Protein backbone atom coordinates (compact mmCIF):
# COMPACT_ATOMS: atom_id res chain seq x y z
CA MET A 1 135.02 65.65 105.32
CA PHE A 2 134.12 64.95 108.91
CA ALA A 3 134.13 68.67 109.69
CA ARG A 4 131.74 69.31 106.79
CA GLN A 5 129.32 66.60 107.95
CA PHE A 6 129.56 67.87 111.53
CA ALA A 7 128.71 71.43 110.40
CA ARG A 8 125.80 70.12 108.33
CA GLN A 9 124.45 68.20 111.32
CA ILE A 10 124.64 71.33 113.50
CA CYS A 11 122.68 73.24 110.84
CA ILE A 12 120.00 70.51 110.76
CA ASP A 13 119.80 70.52 114.55
CA LYS A 14 119.30 74.29 114.56
CA MET A 15 116.55 74.05 111.95
CA THR A 16 114.81 71.29 113.93
CA THR A 17 115.02 73.31 117.15
CA GLN A 18 113.62 76.36 115.38
CA GLN A 19 110.76 74.35 113.94
CA VAL A 20 109.87 72.96 117.37
CA ARG A 21 109.79 76.46 118.76
CA GLU A 22 107.54 77.63 115.92
CA ASP A 23 105.17 74.73 116.54
CA GLN A 24 105.00 75.67 120.19
CA LEU A 25 104.14 79.32 119.56
CA HIS A 26 100.67 80.37 120.67
CA ILE A 27 98.85 82.11 117.81
CA ALA A 28 95.68 84.08 118.53
CA ILE A 29 93.26 85.06 115.77
CA VAL A 30 91.28 88.18 116.72
CA LEU A 31 88.08 89.01 114.83
CA PRO A 32 86.33 92.22 115.96
CA ALA A 33 82.67 91.95 114.99
CA TYR A 34 79.73 94.33 115.04
CA ASN A 35 76.53 92.95 113.50
CA GLU A 36 78.39 90.41 111.35
CA ALA A 37 75.89 87.55 111.54
CA ALA A 38 75.96 87.18 107.74
CA THR A 39 79.71 86.47 107.59
CA ILE A 40 81.07 85.58 111.03
CA VAL A 41 80.64 81.80 110.67
CA GLU A 42 82.44 81.52 107.32
CA THR A 43 85.21 83.84 108.48
CA MET A 44 85.84 81.74 111.58
CA LYS A 45 85.82 78.49 109.61
CA ALA A 46 88.18 79.90 106.99
CA PHE A 47 90.81 80.94 109.54
CA HIS A 48 90.43 77.70 111.50
CA ARG A 49 91.10 75.71 108.33
CA GLU A 50 94.36 77.58 107.83
CA LEU A 51 95.47 77.60 111.48
CA PRO A 52 93.73 74.71 113.25
CA GLY A 53 96.06 74.94 116.25
CA ALA A 54 95.47 78.64 116.83
CA SER A 55 93.09 80.12 119.38
CA LEU A 56 90.12 81.87 117.81
CA TYR A 57 88.68 84.97 119.48
CA VAL A 58 85.64 86.91 118.34
CA VAL A 59 85.17 90.32 119.97
CA ASN A 60 81.46 91.02 119.91
CA ASN A 61 81.31 94.80 119.90
CA ASN A 62 77.77 95.28 121.20
CA SER A 63 76.12 93.56 118.23
CA LYS A 64 72.34 93.70 117.91
CA ASP A 65 72.01 90.63 115.68
CA ASP A 66 72.95 86.94 116.19
CA THR A 67 76.72 87.48 116.01
CA GLN A 68 77.28 86.38 119.61
CA ALA A 69 75.22 83.17 119.37
CA LEU A 70 76.62 82.20 115.96
CA ALA A 71 80.20 82.74 117.10
CA GLU A 72 79.68 80.62 120.22
CA GLN A 73 78.06 77.81 118.20
CA THR A 74 80.89 77.87 115.65
CA LEU A 75 83.55 77.70 118.36
CA ALA A 76 81.82 74.65 119.82
CA GLN A 77 81.56 72.98 116.40
CA LEU A 78 85.22 73.60 115.56
CA HIS A 79 86.44 72.31 118.95
CA CYS A 80 89.19 74.93 119.00
CA ASN A 81 90.59 77.09 121.75
CA GLY A 82 89.30 80.61 122.04
CA ALA A 83 86.30 82.55 123.25
CA VAL A 84 83.73 85.17 122.38
CA ILE A 85 84.68 88.36 124.18
CA PHE A 86 82.02 91.00 124.73
CA GLU A 87 82.88 94.70 124.57
CA LYS A 88 79.96 97.05 125.17
CA ARG A 89 81.73 100.31 124.27
CA GLN A 90 81.19 100.91 120.58
CA GLY A 91 84.13 101.18 118.23
CA LYS A 92 86.77 98.93 116.72
CA GLY A 93 89.46 100.54 118.86
CA ASN A 94 87.55 99.63 122.01
CA ALA A 95 87.05 96.07 120.77
CA LEU A 96 90.73 95.62 120.00
CA ARG A 97 91.76 97.15 123.32
CA ARG A 98 89.62 94.57 125.13
CA ALA A 99 91.15 91.76 123.07
CA PHE A 100 94.73 92.84 123.74
CA LEU A 101 94.01 93.15 127.46
CA GLU A 102 92.51 89.68 127.78
CA ILE A 103 94.46 87.59 125.24
CA ASP A 104 97.97 86.36 125.92
CA ALA A 105 99.78 84.96 122.88
CA ASP A 106 103.07 84.97 120.98
CA ILE A 107 101.56 86.03 117.66
CA TYR A 108 98.33 87.98 117.10
CA VAL A 109 96.42 87.82 113.82
CA LEU A 110 93.90 90.61 113.28
CA ALA A 111 91.26 90.47 110.55
CA ASP A 112 87.81 91.82 109.85
CA ALA A 113 84.90 89.42 110.25
CA ASP A 114 83.31 90.27 106.89
CA LEU A 115 85.09 87.87 104.46
CA THR A 116 86.92 90.73 102.73
CA TYR A 117 90.39 89.35 103.51
CA PRO A 118 91.65 85.93 102.32
CA ALA A 119 92.32 83.61 105.26
CA GLU A 120 94.63 81.46 103.12
CA ARG A 121 97.14 84.33 102.98
CA VAL A 122 97.60 84.33 106.76
CA HIS A 123 100.70 82.14 106.43
CA ASP A 124 102.38 84.80 104.28
CA LEU A 125 101.63 87.43 106.91
CA ILE A 126 102.88 85.28 109.78
CA ALA A 127 106.14 84.30 108.04
CA PRO A 128 108.03 87.63 108.60
CA ILE A 129 107.08 87.53 112.29
CA MET A 130 108.27 83.92 112.62
CA ALA A 131 111.52 84.80 110.86
CA GLY A 132 112.13 87.70 113.22
CA ARG A 133 112.07 90.24 110.37
CA ALA A 134 109.01 92.22 111.47
CA ASP A 135 107.05 93.36 114.50
CA MET A 136 103.93 94.19 112.50
CA VAL A 137 102.95 92.75 109.12
CA VAL A 138 100.26 94.50 107.09
CA GLY A 139 98.11 92.93 104.40
CA ASP A 140 98.56 95.41 101.55
CA ARG A 141 95.33 95.72 99.53
CA HIS A 142 96.57 98.34 97.08
CA SER A 143 99.72 96.99 95.40
CA GLY A 144 97.81 94.38 93.39
CA GLY A 145 95.00 96.78 92.50
CA HIS A 146 92.39 94.61 94.25
CA TYR A 147 91.06 97.38 96.50
CA ALA A 148 90.64 99.83 93.62
CA LYS A 149 88.81 97.17 91.62
CA GLU A 150 86.46 96.06 94.40
CA ASN A 151 85.88 99.39 96.14
CA ASP A 152 82.78 101.13 94.81
CA ARG A 153 83.11 104.22 97.04
CA PRO A 154 85.47 106.76 95.42
CA LEU A 155 85.72 108.87 98.57
CA HIS A 156 87.15 105.87 100.44
CA GLY A 157 89.90 105.55 97.88
CA PHE A 158 90.60 109.28 98.06
CA GLY A 159 90.68 109.12 101.87
CA ASN A 160 93.13 106.21 101.81
CA SER A 161 95.45 108.10 99.46
CA LEU A 162 95.24 111.26 101.56
CA VAL A 163 96.07 109.45 104.81
CA GLN A 164 98.88 107.51 103.12
CA GLY A 165 100.44 110.70 101.80
CA MET A 166 100.19 112.49 105.15
CA VAL A 167 101.68 109.62 107.16
CA ASN A 168 104.52 108.99 104.71
CA ARG A 169 105.40 112.68 104.56
CA PHE A 170 105.19 113.44 108.28
CA PHE A 171 106.91 110.26 109.48
CA GLY A 172 109.39 109.70 106.66
CA ALA A 173 107.84 106.36 105.67
CA SER A 174 107.08 104.69 102.33
CA LEU A 175 104.05 102.59 103.22
CA THR A 176 101.39 101.57 100.71
CA ASP A 177 98.38 100.60 102.83
CA ILE A 178 97.98 102.57 106.05
CA MET A 179 94.40 101.54 106.82
CA SER A 180 94.38 97.79 106.16
CA GLY A 181 92.49 95.73 108.74
CA TYR A 182 94.48 92.55 108.01
CA ARG A 183 97.56 92.52 110.27
CA VAL A 184 99.82 90.26 112.29
CA PHE A 185 101.73 91.41 115.39
CA ASN A 186 104.32 89.93 117.65
CA ARG A 187 103.93 89.97 121.41
CA ALA A 188 106.33 92.88 121.94
CA PHE A 189 104.22 95.17 119.76
CA VAL A 190 100.91 94.25 121.40
CA LYS A 191 102.15 94.53 124.96
CA SER A 192 103.73 97.94 124.35
CA TYR A 193 100.85 99.48 122.40
CA PRO A 194 98.51 101.74 124.40
CA ILE A 195 95.20 101.93 122.53
CA LEU A 196 93.65 105.35 123.13
CA VAL A 197 91.50 105.68 120.01
CA GLU A 198 88.02 104.17 119.89
CA GLY A 199 86.86 103.82 116.31
CA PHE A 200 88.02 102.91 112.81
CA GLN A 201 91.05 105.18 113.10
CA ILE A 202 92.67 102.30 115.03
CA GLU A 203 94.57 101.04 111.94
CA THR A 204 96.11 104.45 111.34
CA ASP A 205 96.97 104.72 115.02
CA MET A 206 98.70 101.32 114.94
CA THR A 207 100.82 102.37 111.99
CA LEU A 208 101.80 105.68 113.57
CA HIS A 209 102.66 103.98 116.85
CA ALA A 210 104.87 101.49 115.00
CA LEU A 211 106.64 104.27 113.10
CA HIS A 212 107.14 106.38 116.21
CA GLN A 213 108.53 103.49 118.27
CA ARG A 214 110.66 102.24 115.34
CA PHE A 215 108.96 98.87 115.11
CA ARG A 216 109.70 96.96 111.93
CA ILE A 217 106.81 97.04 109.46
CA VAL A 218 106.51 94.65 106.52
CA GLU A 219 103.75 94.91 103.93
CA VAL A 220 102.58 91.77 102.12
CA PRO A 221 100.30 92.21 99.08
CA VAL A 222 96.98 90.39 99.58
CA GLU A 223 93.77 90.06 97.64
CA TYR A 224 90.75 92.06 98.71
CA LYS A 225 87.10 91.59 97.83
CA ASP A 226 84.01 93.56 98.70
CA ARG A 227 81.53 92.36 101.28
CA PRO A 228 79.18 89.58 100.15
CA ALA A 229 75.49 90.23 99.65
CA GLY A 230 73.65 90.71 102.94
CA SER A 231 76.67 92.16 104.72
CA VAL A 232 76.60 95.91 105.32
CA SER A 233 79.66 98.11 105.91
CA LYS A 234 79.75 100.08 109.17
CA LEU A 235 82.07 102.73 107.71
CA GLN A 236 80.74 106.25 107.23
CA THR A 237 82.96 107.93 104.68
CA LEU A 238 82.92 111.55 105.83
CA PRO A 239 82.64 111.15 109.64
CA ASP A 240 85.17 108.30 109.82
CA GLY A 241 87.50 110.08 107.40
CA ALA A 242 87.34 113.23 109.53
CA ARG A 243 88.14 111.16 112.62
CA VAL A 244 91.19 109.65 110.92
CA ILE A 245 92.51 113.08 109.87
CA PHE A 246 91.89 114.41 113.37
CA ALA A 247 93.66 111.35 114.82
CA ILE A 248 96.73 112.06 112.65
CA ALA A 249 96.77 115.69 113.87
CA GLN A 250 96.47 114.51 117.47
CA ILE A 251 99.24 111.96 117.05
CA LEU A 252 101.49 114.60 115.48
CA ARG A 253 100.78 116.77 118.50
CA TYR A 254 101.65 113.94 120.89
CA TYR A 255 104.49 112.18 119.05
CA ARG A 256 106.03 114.98 116.91
CA PRO A 257 105.36 118.10 119.00
CA LEU A 258 108.26 120.09 117.56
CA LEU A 259 106.89 119.58 114.03
CA PHE A 260 103.31 120.34 115.11
CA PHE A 261 103.97 123.39 117.30
CA GLY A 262 106.90 124.55 115.17
CA THR A 263 104.64 124.68 112.10
CA LEU A 264 101.95 126.47 114.10
CA GLY A 265 104.51 128.93 115.46
CA ILE A 266 105.85 129.69 111.97
CA LEU A 267 102.29 130.33 110.73
CA PHE A 268 101.75 132.76 113.61
CA ALA A 269 105.06 134.46 112.84
CA ILE A 270 104.13 134.88 109.16
CA ALA A 271 100.72 136.27 110.19
CA SER A 272 102.39 138.80 112.48
CA LEU A 273 104.70 139.95 109.66
CA VAL A 274 101.79 140.36 107.25
CA ILE A 275 99.81 142.35 109.81
CA ALA A 276 102.87 144.52 110.56
CA LEU A 277 103.46 145.56 106.92
CA PRO A 278 101.48 148.83 107.25
CA VAL A 279 103.36 149.54 110.48
CA PHE A 280 106.73 149.11 108.74
CA GLU A 281 105.54 151.34 105.90
CA ASP A 282 104.55 154.06 108.39
CA TRP A 283 107.95 153.98 110.02
CA LEU A 284 109.90 153.98 106.76
CA ARG A 285 107.88 156.86 105.28
CA TYR A 286 107.09 159.07 108.26
CA ARG A 287 109.30 157.81 111.07
CA TYR A 288 106.03 157.62 112.96
CA ILE A 289 103.48 154.83 113.50
CA TYR A 290 99.91 155.68 112.63
CA HIS A 291 98.58 152.08 112.67
CA VAL A 292 98.96 151.63 116.42
CA PRO A 293 96.30 148.87 116.80
CA LEU A 294 97.99 146.82 114.05
CA ALA A 295 101.36 147.30 115.76
CA ILE A 296 99.95 146.00 119.04
CA LEU A 297 98.26 143.05 117.31
CA ALA A 298 101.40 142.13 115.36
CA SER A 299 103.50 142.29 118.52
CA ALA A 300 101.06 140.06 120.40
CA ILE A 301 100.97 137.48 117.62
CA SER A 302 104.78 137.43 117.35
CA VAL A 303 105.05 136.85 121.10
CA ALA A 304 102.50 134.03 120.78
CA ALA A 305 104.57 132.52 117.94
CA MET A 306 107.69 132.45 120.10
CA MET A 307 105.75 130.91 123.00
CA ILE A 308 104.28 128.21 120.76
CA ILE A 309 107.71 127.28 119.40
CA GLY A 310 109.03 127.21 122.98
CA VAL A 311 106.23 124.82 123.98
CA GLY A 312 107.17 122.60 121.04
CA LEU A 313 110.81 122.47 122.17
CA ILE A 314 109.83 121.57 125.74
CA LEU A 315 107.38 118.87 124.65
CA ASP A 316 109.93 117.47 122.20
CA THR A 317 112.28 116.91 125.14
CA VAL A 318 109.49 115.20 127.08
CA VAL A 319 108.70 112.92 124.12
CA HIS A 320 112.40 112.03 123.84
CA GLN A 321 112.41 110.95 127.48
CA GLN A 322 109.25 108.90 126.91
CA ARG A 323 110.86 107.15 123.93
CA MET A 324 113.83 106.26 126.10
CA GLU A 325 111.48 104.75 128.68
CA ALA A 326 109.62 102.87 125.95
CA GLU A 327 112.92 101.38 124.75
CA ARG A 328 113.72 100.27 128.30
CA PHE A 329 110.28 98.67 128.54
CA LEU A 330 110.88 96.78 125.29
CA LEU A 331 114.20 95.49 126.59
CA ARG A 332 112.53 94.27 129.79
CA GLN A 333 109.68 92.74 127.79
CA THR A 334 112.14 90.93 125.54
CA GLU A 335 113.91 89.42 128.53
CA THR A 336 110.57 88.38 130.06
CA ASP A 337 109.43 86.73 126.81
CA ARG A 338 112.74 84.92 126.45
CA ALA A 339 112.47 83.54 129.99
CA ARG A 340 108.83 82.61 129.32
CA ARG A 341 109.79 80.55 126.25
CA ILE A 342 112.59 78.76 128.10
CA ARG A 343 110.15 77.68 130.81
């Protein structure tokens, strides 16, 4: 009986200690904003209501309207920690890069400043991070059908499906929403994520980085609603879609070079065989080659195919070494964060 009570008391003590640690965690809410004067105030108030102890950061991405002034006034009215960070270089990737460089926190909440994501669901997104089950949590707009219902641009839906299919196929994943702007990260993810993209392809880049570095991804279904009247989307369907597809190709080249260059090499090899068919026919029929230019071209392309595959093998070894270094960095970062919490 005594042993049972003693074990129960230890369990309660552990839960209390864990709760204290959770209360002491520094949560940063990051809201990239470009000409969001119509919605920035309500977005800030909504997230402050849900997380009054969190720091609130608005990244003014070279806005031409009153976004900066409204954000500063709202911060003063709410009496919360945070700041308005200015980033002159255009693009959501640039804005988020500036935020991650300047903000130091244990948990980072990322959301758009256009009232399309429900602030009240932030607790559901934070929970897997707090429980240690995820490094990045994504607000999934598609599982509940909310995005399909609210989205009035068919090409956006098609683009989302195309990117989802490509990422899941190339990286062996089973994700539902690759391009959601509602995410929560732990410190290890943020401090090990080099942001090299500049625009709206940042969400895809985050997902691919997480898959490549084997970070744990959890998707939480959330509601999604279209922008309110007076708020205008900055997305351009065709140019931004092309940038996302190009970004995936670039990331395949950087992160999966054997797949990228191997596929390219195989295509070259097939082309060389097709071009060489008349040459083979000459040799089989006449034991003489009449299509000399085609023979030279086919030989050159086959040599190029072998060289391309060789480049892929070399770069694959380099990427493997980089992944090993990234793992070492994560181990060092984990030890640093642990020591930081103890202090």
